Amino acid sequence: MADAAERLCLPDVTEKALAGLKFSAALPERLAVATLAARLADLPAARAVLAEPTRTVHLPD
């Protein structure tokens, strides 16, 4: 967990999402995928959540 913020990655983009992208026919597929993935990802928010302190509690059975 200590380095989770550095290992964040962009989400997968589906064909359906690509088809819904405005001007998708004019973009190379690789650029369209990168554009959508960047739009879908909220990396600053994910890093903020991972920076929050956490506490793990073990409850006996």
PDB file of N, CA and C in Angstrom:
ATOM      1  N   MET A   1       0.816  -1.203   0.000  1.00  0.00           N
ATOM      2  CA  MET A   1       0.000   0.000   0.000  1.00  0.00           C
ATOM      3  C   MET A   1       0.855   1.260   0.000  1.00  0.00           C
ATOM      4  N   ALA A   2       2.058   1.171   0.507  1.00  0.00           N
ATOM      5  CA  ALA A   2       2.876   2.368   0.661  1.00  0.00           C
ATOM      6  C   ALA A   2       3.150   3.070  -0.663  1.00  0.00           C
ATOM      7  N   ASP A   3       3.302   2.319  -1.740  1.00  0.00           N
ATOM      8  CA  ASP A   3       3.607   2.940  -3.027  1.00  0.00           C
ATOM      9  C   ASP A   3       2.441   2.866  -4.010  1.00  0.00           C
ATOM     10  N   ALA A   4       1.242   2.659  -3.508  1.00  0.00           N
ATOM     11  CA  ALA A   4       0.073   2.513  -4.386  1.00  0.00           C
ATOM     12  C   ALA A   4      -0.168   3.765  -5.238  1.00  0.00           C
ATOM     13  N   ALA A   5       0.063   4.931  -4.682  1.00  0.00           N
ATOM     14  CA  ALA A   5      -0.168   6.174  -5.433  1.00  0.00           C
ATOM     15  C   ALA A   5       0.755   6.282  -6.638  1.00  0.00           C
ATOM     16  N   GLU A   6       1.941   5.692  -6.546  1.00  0.00           N
ATOM     17  CA  GLU A   6       2.873   5.730  -7.674  1.00  0.00           C
ATOM     18  C   GLU A   6       2.552   4.664  -8.717  1.00  0.00           C
ATOM     19  N   ARG A   7       1.718   3.686  -8.358  1.00  0.00           N
ATOM     20  CA  ARG A   7       1.410   2.594  -9.277  1.00  0.00           C
ATOM     21  C   ARG A   7       0.014   2.712  -9.892  1.00  0.00           C
ATOM     22  N   LEU A   8      -0.612   3.870  -9.770  1.00  0.00           N
ATOM     23  CA  LEU A   8      -1.923   4.073 -10.386  1.00  0.00           C
ATOM     24  C   LEU A   8      -1.793   3.985 -11.900  1.00  0.00           C
ATOM     25  N   CYS A   9      -2.812   3.463 -12.532  1.00  0.00           N
ATOM     26  CA  CYS A   9      -2.790   3.368 -13.989  1.00  0.00           C
ATOM     27  C   CYS A   9      -4.119   3.858 -14.551  1.00  0.00           C
ATOM     28  N   LEU A  10      -4.129   4.104 -15.829  1.00  0.00           N
ATOM     29  CA  LEU A  10      -5.339   4.580 -16.495  1.00  0.00           C
ATOM     30  C   LEU A  10      -6.308   3.420 -16.695  1.00  0.00           C
ATOM     31  N   PRO A  11      -7.604   3.698 -16.711  1.00  0.00           N
ATOM     32  CA  PRO A  11      -8.594   2.641 -16.891  1.00  0.00           C
ATOM     33  C   PRO A  11      -8.622   2.124 -18.326  1.00  0.00           C
ATOM     34  N   ASP A  12      -9.134   0.904 -18.485  1.00  0.00           N
ATOM     35  CA  ASP A  12      -9.337   0.350 -19.824  1.00  0.00           C
ATOM     36  C   ASP A  12     -10.495   1.088 -20.487  1.00  0.00           C
ATOM     37  N   VAL A  13     -10.407   1.225 -21.792  1.00  0.00           N
ATOM     38  CA  VAL A  13     -11.445   1.904 -22.571  1.00  0.00           C
ATOM     39  C   VAL A  13     -12.083   0.880 -23.496  1.00  0.00           C
ATOM     40  N   THR A  14     -13.403   0.812 -23.480  1.00  0.00           N
ATOM     41  CA  THR A  14     -14.120  -0.162 -24.305  1.00  0.00           C
ATOM     42  C   THR A  14     -14.344   0.378 -25.716  1.00  0.00           C
ATOM     43  N   GLU A  15     -14.648  -0.529 -26.618  1.00  0.00           N
ATOM     44  CA  GLU A  15     -14.973  -0.147 -27.995  1.00  0.00           C
ATOM     45  C   GLU A  15     -16.215   0.743 -28.035  1.00  0.00           C
ATOM     46  N   LYS A  16     -17.176   0.441 -27.164  1.00  0.00           N
ATOM     47  CA  LYS A  16     -18.403   1.234 -27.108  1.00  0.00           C
ATOM     48  C   LYS A  16     -18.089   2.677 -26.698  1.00  0.00           C
ATOM     49  N   ALA A  17     -17.182   2.839 -25.728  1.00  0.00           N
ATOM     50  CA  ALA A  17     -16.788   4.184 -25.311  1.00  0.00           C
ATOM     51  C   ALA A  17     -16.071   4.913 -26.440  1.00  0.00           C
ATOM     52  N   LEU A  18     -15.232   4.202 -27.173  1.00  0.00           N
ATOM     53  CA  LEU A  18     -14.544   4.819 -28.307  1.00  0.00           C
ATOM     54  C   LEU A  18     -15.531   5.279 -29.369  1.00  0.00           C
ATOM     55  N   ALA A  19     -16.538   4.452 -29.620  1.00  0.00           N
ATOM     56  CA  ALA A  19     -17.535   4.793 -30.639  1.00  0.00           C
ATOM     57  C   ALA A  19     -18.316   6.047 -30.244  1.00  0.00           C
ATOM     58  N   GLY A  20     -18.468   6.288 -28.946  1.00  0.00           N
ATOM     59  CA  GLY A  20     -19.201   7.452 -28.476  1.00  0.00           C
ATOM     60  C   GLY A  20     -18.378   8.723 -28.430  1.00  0.00           C
ATOM     61  N   LEU A  21     -17.088   8.610 -28.670  1.00  0.00           N
ATOM     62  CA  LEU A  21     -16.218   9.778 -28.625  1.00  0.00           C
ATOM     63  C   LEU A  21     -16.465  10.656 -29.846  1.00  0.00           C
ATOM     64  N   LYS A  22     -16.673  11.932 -29.601  1.00  0.00           N
ATOM     65  CA  LYS A  22     -16.885  12.870 -30.694  1.00  0.00           C
ATOM     66  C   LYS A  22     -15.625  12.911 -31.559  1.00  0.00           C
ATOM     67  N   PHE A  23     -15.787  12.889 -32.837  1.00  0.00           N
ATOM     68  CA  PHE A  23     -14.687  12.902 -33.809  1.00  0.00           C
ATOM     69  C   PHE A  23     -13.799  11.664 -33.723  1.00  0.00           C
ATOM     70  N   SER A  24     -14.343  10.544 -33.246  1.00  0.00           N
ATOM     71  CA  SER A  24     -13.529   9.341 -33.098  1.00  0.00           C
ATOM     72  C   SER A  24     -12.995   8.845 -34.448  1.00  0.00           C
ATOM     73  N   ALA A  25     -13.732   9.077 -35.518  1.00  0.00           N
ATOM     74  CA  ALA A  25     -13.279   8.639 -36.837  1.00  0.00           C
ATOM     75  C   ALA A  25     -12.067   9.439 -37.307  1.00  0.00           C
ATOM     76  N   ALA A  26     -11.919  10.637 -36.784  1.00  0.00           N
ATOM     77  CA  ALA A  26     -10.813  11.486 -37.215  1.00  0.00           C
ATOM     78  C   ALA A  26      -9.534  11.246 -36.402  1.00  0.00           C
ATOM     79  N   LEU A  27      -9.650  10.524 -35.311  1.00  0.00           N
ATOM     80  CA  LEU A  27      -8.496  10.292 -34.443  1.00  0.00           C
ATOM     81  C   LEU A  27      -7.900   8.909 -34.663  1.00  0.00           C
ATOM     82  N   PRO A  28      -6.598   8.785 -34.587  1.00  0.00           N
ATOM     83  CA  PRO A  28      -6.012   7.449 -34.560  1.00  0.00           C
ATOM     84  C   PRO A  28      -6.495   6.736 -33.292  1.00  0.00           C
ATOM     85  N   GLU A  29      -6.719   5.440 -33.370  1.00  0.00           N
ATOM     86  CA  GLU A  29      -7.290   4.705 -32.237  1.00  0.00           C
ATOM     87  C   GLU A  29      -6.464   4.873 -30.966  1.00  0.00           C
ATOM     88  N   ARG A  30      -5.167   4.848 -31.092  1.00  0.00           N
ATOM     89  CA  ARG A  30      -4.302   4.973 -29.912  1.00  0.00           C
ATOM     90  C   ARG A  30      -4.509   6.318 -29.205  1.00  0.00           C
ATOM     91  N   LEU A  31      -4.660   7.382 -29.985  1.00  0.00           N
ATOM     92  CA  LEU A  31      -4.904   8.699 -29.413  1.00  0.00           C
ATOM     93  C   LEU A  31      -6.290   8.773 -28.787  1.00  0.00           C
ATOM     94  N   ALA A  32      -7.277   8.173 -29.437  1.00  0.00           N
ATOM     95  CA  ALA A  32      -8.638   8.161 -28.896  1.00  0.00           C
ATOM     96  C   ALA A  32      -8.680   7.409 -27.566  1.00  0.00           C
ATOM     97  N   VAL A  33      -7.998   6.265 -27.480  1.00  0.00           N
ATOM     98  CA  VAL A  33      -7.954   5.485 -26.240  1.00  0.00           C
ATOM     99  C   VAL A  33      -7.270   6.293 -25.139  1.00  0.00           C
ATOM    100  N   ALA A  34      -6.153   6.928 -25.456  1.00  0.00           N
ATOM    101  CA  ALA A  34      -5.431   7.718 -24.459  1.00  0.00           C
ATOM    102  C   ALA A  34      -6.268   8.899 -23.979  1.00  0.00           C
ATOM    103  N   THR A  35      -6.990   9.535 -24.891  1.00  0.00           N
ATOM    104  CA  THR A  35      -7.825  10.671 -24.540  1.00  0.00           C
ATOM    105  C   THR A  35      -8.938  10.255 -23.595  1.00  0.00           C
ATOM    106  N   LEU A  36      -9.645   9.178 -23.937  1.00  0.00           N
ATOM    107  CA  LEU A  36     -10.736   8.708 -23.083  1.00  0.00           C
ATOM    108  C   LEU A  36     -10.234   8.226 -21.739  1.00  0.00           C
ATOM    109  N   ALA A  37      -9.150   7.499 -21.724  1.00  0.00           N
ATOM    110  CA  ALA A  37      -8.610   6.999 -20.460  1.00  0.00           C
ATOM    111  C   ALA A  37      -8.240   8.159 -19.540  1.00  0.00           C
ATOM    112  N   ALA A  38      -7.637   9.189 -20.087  1.00  0.00           N
ATOM    113  CA  ALA A  38      -7.274  10.354 -19.286  1.00  0.00           C
ATOM    114  C   ALA A  38      -8.509  11.078 -18.764  1.00  0.00           C
ATOM    115  N   ARG A  39      -9.553  11.119 -19.568  1.00  0.00           N
ATOM    116  CA  ARG A  39     -10.801  11.767 -19.130  1.00  0.00           C
ATOM    117  C   ARG A  39     -11.495  10.957 -18.045  1.00  0.00           C
ATOM    118  N   LEU A  40     -11.463   9.639 -18.156  1.00  0.00           N
ATOM    119  CA  LEU A  40     -12.138   8.772 -17.195  1.00  0.00           C
ATOM    120  C   LEU A  40     -11.404   8.703 -15.855  1.00  0.00           C
ATOM    121  N   ALA A  41     -10.108   8.796 -15.903  1.00  0.00           N
ATOM    122  CA  ALA A  41      -9.306   8.678 -14.683  1.00  0.00           C
ATOM    123  C   ALA A  41      -9.354   9.982 -13.899  1.00  0.00           C
ATOM    124  N   ASP A  42      -9.426   9.845 -12.616  1.00  0.00           N
ATOM    125  CA  ASP A  42      -9.328  11.011 -11.736  1.00  0.00           C
ATOM    126  C   ASP A  42      -8.146  10.735 -10.807  1.00  0.00           C
ATOM    127  N   LEU A  43      -6.956  10.782 -11.391  1.00  0.00           N
ATOM    128  CA  LEU A  43      -5.756  10.415 -10.649  1.00  0.00           C
ATOM    129  C   LEU A  43      -5.500  11.317  -9.438  1.00  0.00           C
ATOM    130  N   PRO A  44      -5.725  12.629  -9.535  1.00  0.00           N
ATOM    131  CA  PRO A  44      -5.517  13.446  -8.326  1.00  0.00           C
ATOM    132  C   PRO A  44      -6.436  13.019  -7.168  1.00  0.00           C
ATOM    133  N   ALA A  45      -7.680  12.707  -7.461  1.00  0.00           N
ATOM    134  CA  ALA A  45      -8.600  12.265  -6.406  1.00  0.00           C
ATOM    135  C   ALA A  45      -8.185  10.909  -5.856  1.00  0.00           C
ATOM    136  N   ALA A  46      -7.740  10.016  -6.725  1.00  0.00           N
ATOM    137  CA  ALA A  46      -7.286   8.698  -6.271  1.00  0.00           C
ATOM    138  C   ALA A  46      -6.074   8.842  -5.363  1.00  0.00           C
ATOM    139  N   ARG A  47      -5.153   9.724  -5.734  1.00  0.00           N
ATOM    140  CA  ARG A  47      -3.969   9.938  -4.888  1.00  0.00           C
ATOM    141  C   ARG A  47      -4.370  10.526  -3.536  1.00  0.00           C
ATOM    142  N   ALA A  48      -5.365  11.418  -3.536  1.00  0.00           N
ATOM    143  CA  ALA A  48      -5.828  12.019  -2.287  1.00  0.00           C
ATOM    144  C   ALA A  48      -6.442  10.960  -1.377  1.00  0.00           C
ATOM    145  N   VAL A  49      -7.222  10.059  -1.945  1.00  0.00           N
ATOM    146  CA  VAL A  49      -7.829   8.989  -1.147  1.00  0.00           C
ATOM    147  C   VAL A  49      -6.749   8.082  -0.579  1.00  0.00           C
ATOM    148  N   LEU A  50      -5.766   7.752  -1.396  1.00  0.00           N
ATOM    149  CA  LEU A  50      -4.694   6.876  -0.922  1.00  0.00           C
ATOM    150  C   LEU A  50      -3.823   7.554   0.132  1.00  0.00           C
ATOM    151  N   ALA A  51      -3.797   8.865   0.171  1.00  0.00           N
ATOM    152  CA  ALA A  51      -3.005   9.589   1.151  1.00  0.00           C
ATOM    153  C   ALA A  51      -3.699   9.692   2.507  1.00  0.00           C
ATOM    154  N   GLU A  52      -4.993   9.397   2.542  1.00  0.00           N
ATOM    155  CA  GLU A  52      -5.730   9.458   3.799  1.00  0.00           C
ATOM    156  C   GLU A  52      -5.224   8.383   4.758  1.00  0.00           C
ATOM    157  N   PRO A  53      -5.175   8.703   6.037  1.00  0.00           N
ATOM    158  CA  PRO A  53      -4.763   7.679   7.001  1.00  0.00           C
ATOM    159  C   PRO A  53      -5.802   6.561   7.079  1.00  0.00           C
ATOM    160  N   THR A  54      -5.318   5.365   7.264  1.00  0.00           N
ATOM    161  CA  THR A  54      -6.218   4.215   7.374  1.00  0.00           C
ATOM    162  C   THR A  54      -5.902   3.445   8.652  1.00  0.00           C
ATOM    163  N   ARG A  55      -6.887   2.695   9.100  1.00  0.00           N
ATOM    164  CA  ARG A  55      -6.699   1.840  10.268  1.00  0.00           C
ATOM    165  C   ARG A  55      -7.302   0.485   9.938  1.00  0.00           C
ATOM    166  N   THR A  56      -6.563  -0.552  10.203  1.00  0.00           N
ATOM    167  CA  THR A  56      -7.042  -1.905   9.966  1.00  0.00           C
ATOM    168  C   THR A  56      -7.394  -2.522  11.307  1.00  0.00           C
ATOM    169  N   VAL A  57      -8.593  -3.071  11.390  1.00  0.00           N
ATOM    170  CA  VAL A  57      -9.063  -3.686  12.631  1.00  0.00           C
ATOM    171  C   VAL A  57      -9.367  -5.141  12.337  1.00  0.00           C
ATOM    172  N   HIS A  58      -8.876  -6.014  13.162  1.00  0.00           N
ATOM    173  CA  HIS A  58      -9.158  -7.455  13.020  1.00  0.00           C
ATOM    174  C   HIS A  58     -10.154  -7.852  14.086  1.00  0.00           C
ATOM    175  N   LEU A  59     -11.298  -8.351  13.639  1.00  0.00           N
ATOM    176  CA  LEU A  59     -12.326  -8.803  14.578  1.00  0.00           C
ATOM    177  C   LEU A  59     -12.265 -10.317  14.661  1.00  0.00           C
ATOM    178  N   PRO A  60     -12.183 -10.871  15.857  1.00  0.00           N
ATOM    179  CA  PRO A  60     -12.134 -12.327  15.982  1.00  0.00           C
ATOM    180  C   PRO A  60     -13.459 -12.940  15.539  1.00  0.00           C
ATOM    181  N   ASP A  61     -13.385 -14.161  15.062  1.00  0.00           N
ATOM    182  CA  ASP A  61     -14.603 -14.862  14.605  1.00  0.00           C
ATOM    183  C   ASP A  61     -15.545 -15.146  15.720  1.00  0.00           C
TER     184      ASP A  61
END
